[in-house]
Amino acid sequence: MATHILIPLDDSTPAQHALQFACDIHPTSQITVLHVDDTTAADPGEAVTDRSLSDGGEIPHQRDRVDTTDALLRNAEVTAAEQGVDISTESLGGDPAATIMACAEEQAIDHIIIGIHGKSDPKQLAIGTVAKTVAHNSSIPVTVVQ
């Protein structure tokens, strides 16, 4: 049985299903929920970065994205706690697939459970691509949940 599981999480239903699945199947395992902000997005307003404006202000949209990420991770903690499962949460920036796989290696994760979309909506296609990339390239076992 897996002892340390990584759940990449966004605001999609399949990602929520992946978290639920992990809590149901591995309630005694160490579970880390990871949200990755895509800093490789083509539109700079769509990516969260560590840069700040020259006057020390925040990059447009950054505060909203941080608030959204915080809420997403808090909701994951509540979901897990309702089932009596303790989780840890982390938020990183970068290329989502590469960041997920690097995090898994660095934290000695022995199983990744990731949600995947079966739809063609461009927003949903991106996470589907991430899940497929992780599933095909990770050296760690991956379970895909829809």
C-alpha atoms as a PDB file:
ATOM      1  CA  MET A   1       0.000   0.000   0.000  1.00  0.00           C
ATOM      2  CA  ALA A   2       1.173   3.523  -0.774  1.00  0.00           C
ATOM      3  CA  THR A   3       2.448   5.464   2.206  1.00  0.00           C
ATOM      4  CA  HIS A   4       2.802   8.967   0.698  1.00  0.00           C
ATOM      5  CA  ILE A   5       0.325  10.069  -1.950  1.00  0.00           C
ATOM      6  CA  LEU A   6       0.338  13.245  -4.027  1.00  0.00           C
ATOM      7  CA  ILE A   7      -2.951  14.727  -5.250  1.00  0.00           C
ATOM      8  CA  PRO A   8      -2.533  17.528  -7.812  1.00  0.00           C
ATOM      9  CA  LEU A   9      -5.566  19.750  -7.303  1.00  0.00           C
ATOM     10  CA  ASP A  10      -7.330  22.435  -9.294  1.00  0.00           C
ATOM     11  CA  ASP A  11     -10.955  23.570  -9.155  1.00  0.00           C
ATOM     12  CA  SER A  12     -12.200  20.818 -11.474  1.00  0.00           C
ATOM     13  CA  THR A  13     -14.625  18.040 -10.613  1.00  0.00           C
ATOM     14  CA  PRO A  14     -12.150  15.292 -11.632  1.00  0.00           C
ATOM     15  CA  ALA A  15      -9.531  16.759  -9.281  1.00  0.00           C
ATOM     16  CA  GLN A  16     -12.091  16.705  -6.468  1.00  0.00           C
ATOM     17  CA  HIS A  17     -12.864  13.080  -7.368  1.00  0.00           C
ATOM     18  CA  ALA A  18      -9.145  12.275  -7.135  1.00  0.00           C
ATOM     19  CA  LEU A  19      -9.018  13.739  -3.622  1.00  0.00           C
ATOM     20  CA  GLN A  20     -12.148  11.837  -2.603  1.00  0.00           C
ATOM     21  CA  PHE A  21     -10.739   8.615  -4.086  1.00  0.00           C
ATOM     22  CA  ALA A  22      -7.473   9.022  -2.168  1.00  0.00           C
ATOM     23  CA  CYS A  23      -9.313   9.652   1.101  1.00  0.00           C
ATOM     24  CA  ASP A  24     -11.559   6.628   0.526  1.00  0.00           C
ATOM     25  CA  ILE A  25      -8.866   4.182  -0.563  1.00  0.00           C
ATOM     26  CA  HIS A  26      -5.847   5.415   1.435  1.00  0.00           C
ATOM     27  CA  PRO A  27      -7.222   7.003   4.640  1.00  0.00           C
ATOM     28  CA  THR A  28      -4.140   6.146   6.704  1.00  0.00           C
ATOM     29  CA  SER A  29      -1.548   7.225   4.144  1.00  0.00           C
ATOM     30  CA  GLN A  30       0.242  10.552   4.227  1.00  0.00           C
ATOM     31  CA  ILE A  31      -1.571  12.663   1.606  1.00  0.00           C
ATOM     32  CA  THR A  32      -0.134  15.831   0.113  1.00  0.00           C
ATOM     33  CA  VAL A  33      -2.453  18.012  -1.958  1.00  0.00           C
ATOM     34  CA  LEU A  34      -0.590  20.181  -4.456  1.00  0.00           C
ATOM     35  CA  HIS A  35      -1.899  23.141  -6.417  1.00  0.00           C
ATOM     36  CA  VAL A  36       0.336  24.375  -9.246  1.00  0.00           C
ATOM     37  CA  ASP A  37      -0.148  27.859 -10.653  1.00  0.00           C
ATOM     38  CA  ASP A  38       0.879  27.724 -14.298  1.00  0.00           C
ATOM     39  CA  THR A  39       3.573  30.379 -14.628  1.00  0.00           C
ATOM     40  CA  THR A  40       4.113  29.375 -18.258  1.00  0.00           C
ATOM     41  CA  ALA A  41       0.752  30.785 -19.394  1.00  0.00           C
ATOM     42  CA  ALA A  42       0.881  32.824 -22.616  1.00  0.00           C
ATOM     43  CA  ASP A  43      -1.045  35.740 -21.057  1.00  0.00           C
ATOM     44  CA  PRO A  44       1.013  37.246 -18.216  1.00  0.00           C
ATOM     45  CA  GLY A  45      -2.232  38.169 -16.480  1.00  0.00           C
ATOM     46  CA  GLU A  46      -3.086  34.482 -16.327  1.00  0.00           C
ATOM     47  CA  ALA A  47       0.074  33.404 -14.533  1.00  0.00           C
ATOM     48  CA  VAL A  48       1.173  33.950 -10.952  1.00  0.00           C
ATOM     49  CA  THR A  49       4.835  34.884 -10.724  1.00  0.00           C
ATOM     50  CA  ASP A  50       7.238  35.908  -7.986  1.00  0.00           C
ATOM     51  CA  ARG A  51       8.043  39.198  -9.742  1.00  0.00           C
ATOM     52  CA  SER A  52       6.634  42.388  -8.356  1.00  0.00           C
ATOM     53  CA  LEU A  53       6.080  45.721 -10.006  1.00  0.00           C
ATOM     54  CA  SER A  54       8.817  48.327  -9.643  1.00  0.00           C
ATOM     55  CA  ASP A  55       6.697  50.271  -7.149  1.00  0.00           C
ATOM     56  CA  GLY A  56       6.394  47.191  -4.947  1.00  0.00           C
ATOM     57  CA  GLY A  57       2.772  46.501  -5.879  1.00  0.00           C
ATOM     58  CA  GLU A  58       1.308  43.177  -6.866  1.00  0.00           C
ATOM     59  CA  ILE A  59       1.067  41.909 -10.402  1.00  0.00           C
ATOM     60  CA  PRO A  60      -2.497  42.302 -11.726  1.00  0.00           C
ATOM     61  CA  HIS A  61      -4.673  39.272 -10.918  1.00  0.00           C
ATOM     62  CA  GLN A  62      -2.052  37.820  -8.558  1.00  0.00           C
ATOM     63  CA  ARG A  63      -3.991  38.562  -5.364  1.00  0.00           C
ATOM     64  CA  ASP A  64      -7.170  36.994  -6.782  1.00  0.00           C
ATOM     65  CA  ARG A  65      -5.252  33.886  -7.831  1.00  0.00           C
ATOM     66  CA  VAL A  66      -3.594  33.568  -4.429  1.00  0.00           C
ATOM     67  CA  ASP A  67      -6.982  33.937  -2.711  1.00  0.00           C
ATOM     68  CA  THR A  68      -8.490  31.324  -5.041  1.00  0.00           C
ATOM     69  CA  THR A  69      -5.622  28.922  -4.375  1.00  0.00           C
ATOM     70  CA  ASP A  70      -5.905  29.418  -0.612  1.00  0.00           C
ATOM     71  CA  ALA A  71      -9.654  28.739  -0.744  1.00  0.00           C
ATOM     72  CA  LEU A  72      -9.130  25.656  -2.905  1.00  0.00           C
ATOM     73  CA  LEU A  73      -6.595  24.196  -0.479  1.00  0.00           C
ATOM     74  CA  ARG A  74      -8.737  25.050   2.573  1.00  0.00           C
ATOM     75  CA  ASN A  75     -11.683  23.272   0.937  1.00  0.00           C
ATOM     76  CA  ALA A  76      -9.477  20.226   0.348  1.00  0.00           C
ATOM     77  CA  GLU A  77      -8.547  20.205   4.039  1.00  0.00           C
ATOM     78  CA  VAL A  78     -12.232  20.380   5.005  1.00  0.00           C
ATOM     79  CA  THR A  79     -13.173  17.601   2.568  1.00  0.00           C
ATOM     80  CA  ALA A  80     -10.476  15.323   3.971  1.00  0.00           C
ATOM     81  CA  ALA A  81     -11.220  16.223   7.603  1.00  0.00           C
ATOM     82  CA  GLU A  82     -14.888  15.337   7.108  1.00  0.00           C
ATOM     83  CA  GLN A  83     -13.669  11.807   6.370  1.00  0.00           C
ATOM     84  CA  GLY A  84     -11.218  11.794   9.253  1.00  0.00           C
ATOM     85  CA  VAL A  85      -8.203  12.087   6.945  1.00  0.00           C
ATOM     86  CA  ASP A  86      -5.301  14.445   7.631  1.00  0.00           C
ATOM     87  CA  ILE A  87      -3.688  16.046   4.594  1.00  0.00           C
ATOM     88  CA  SER A  88      -0.931  18.539   4.001  1.00  0.00           C
ATOM     89  CA  THR A  89      -1.227  21.172   1.293  1.00  0.00           C
ATOM     90  CA  GLU A  90       1.264  22.967  -0.893  1.00  0.00           C
ATOM     91  CA  SER A  91       1.093  25.573  -3.640  1.00  0.00           C
ATOM     92  CA  LEU A  92       3.856  25.994  -6.206  1.00  0.00           C
ATOM     93  CA  GLY A  93       4.295  27.853  -9.464  1.00  0.00           C
ATOM     94  CA  GLY A  94       5.733  26.552 -12.709  1.00  0.00           C
ATOM     95  CA  ASP A  95       4.909  24.219 -15.542  1.00  0.00           C
ATOM     96  CA  PRO A  96       2.165  22.052 -13.998  1.00  0.00           C
ATOM     97  CA  ALA A  97       3.276  18.612 -15.212  1.00  0.00           C
ATOM     98  CA  ALA A  98       6.967  19.224 -14.556  1.00  0.00           C
ATOM     99  CA  THR A  99       6.222  20.726 -11.132  1.00  0.00           C
ATOM    100  CA  ILE A 100       4.011  17.795 -10.137  1.00  0.00           C
ATOM    101  CA  MET A 101       6.669  15.259 -11.117  1.00  0.00           C
ATOM    102  CA  ALA A 102       9.492  17.234  -9.451  1.00  0.00           C
ATOM    103  CA  CYS A 103       7.474  17.611  -6.248  1.00  0.00           C
ATOM    104  CA  ALA A 104       6.745  13.880  -6.243  1.00  0.00           C
ATOM    105  CA  GLU A 105      10.448  13.063  -6.563  1.00  0.00           C
ATOM    106  CA  GLU A 106      11.540  15.623  -3.949  1.00  0.00           C
ATOM    107  CA  GLN A 107       8.980  14.490  -1.368  1.00  0.00           C
ATOM    108  CA  ALA A 108       9.537  10.749  -1.889  1.00  0.00           C
ATOM    109  CA  ILE A 109       5.950  10.311  -3.065  1.00  0.00           C
ATOM    110  CA  ASP A 110       5.164   6.714  -3.935  1.00  0.00           C
ATOM    111  CA  HIS A 111       1.816   7.241  -5.701  1.00  0.00           C
ATOM    112  CA  ILE A 112       0.179  10.102  -7.613  1.00  0.00           C
ATOM    113  CA  ILE A 113      -3.613  10.261  -7.951  1.00  0.00           C
ATOM    114  CA  ILE A 114      -4.689  12.816 -10.547  1.00  0.00           C
ATOM    115  CA  GLY A 115      -7.993  13.857 -12.091  1.00  0.00           C
ATOM    116  CA  ILE A 116      -8.389  13.900 -15.859  1.00  0.00           C
ATOM    117  CA  HIS A 117     -10.990  15.469 -18.097  1.00  0.00           C
ATOM    118  CA  GLY A 118     -12.658  13.669 -20.955  1.00  0.00           C
ATOM    119  CA  LYS A 119     -13.913  16.885 -22.549  1.00  0.00           C
ATOM    120  CA  SER A 120     -12.691  19.188 -25.291  1.00  0.00           C
ATOM    121  CA  ASP A 121     -13.205  22.578 -23.613  1.00  0.00           C
ATOM    122  CA  PRO A 122      -9.862  24.439 -23.969  1.00  0.00           C
ATOM    123  CA  LYS A 123      -9.692  25.239 -20.234  1.00  0.00           C
ATOM    124  CA  GLN A 124     -10.311  21.608 -19.363  1.00  0.00           C
ATOM    125  CA  LEU A 125      -8.013  20.338 -22.100  1.00  0.00           C
ATOM    126  CA  ALA A 126      -5.053  21.939 -20.339  1.00  0.00           C
ATOM    127  CA  ILE A 127      -5.455  19.855 -17.183  1.00  0.00           C
ATOM    128  CA  GLY A 128      -6.171  16.800 -19.309  1.00  0.00           C
ATOM    129  CA  THR A 129      -2.846  17.396 -20.989  1.00  0.00           C
ATOM    130  CA  VAL A 130      -1.160  17.771 -17.599  1.00  0.00           C
ATOM    131  CA  ALA A 131      -2.637  14.502 -16.335  1.00  0.00           C
ATOM    132  CA  LYS A 132      -1.638  12.677 -19.509  1.00  0.00           C
ATOM    133  CA  THR A 133       1.902  14.068 -19.339  1.00  0.00           C
ATOM    134  CA  VAL A 134       2.259  13.031 -15.697  1.00  0.00           C
ATOM    135  CA  ALA A 135       0.790   9.575 -16.334  1.00  0.00           C
ATOM    136  CA  HIS A 136       3.096   8.935 -19.283  1.00  0.00           C
ATOM    137  CA  ASN A 137       6.316  10.430 -17.915  1.00  0.00           C
ATOM    138  CA  SER A 138       6.321   9.935 -14.160  1.00  0.00           C
ATOM    139  CA  SER A 139       8.641   7.342 -12.667  1.00  0.00           C
ATOM    140  CA  ILE A 140       6.104   7.037  -9.838  1.00  0.00           C
ATOM    141  CA  PRO A 141       2.882   5.010 -10.216  1.00  0.00           C
ATOM    142  CA  VAL A 142      -0.063   7.188 -11.279  1.00  0.00           C
ATOM    143  CA  THR A 143      -3.770   6.541 -10.869  1.00  0.00           C
ATOM    144  CA  VAL A 144      -6.001   8.598 -13.153  1.00  0.00           C
ATOM    145  CA  VAL A 145      -9.493   9.469 -11.886  1.00  0.00           C
ATOM    146  CA  GLN A 146     -12.259  10.989 -13.995  1.00  0.00           C
END
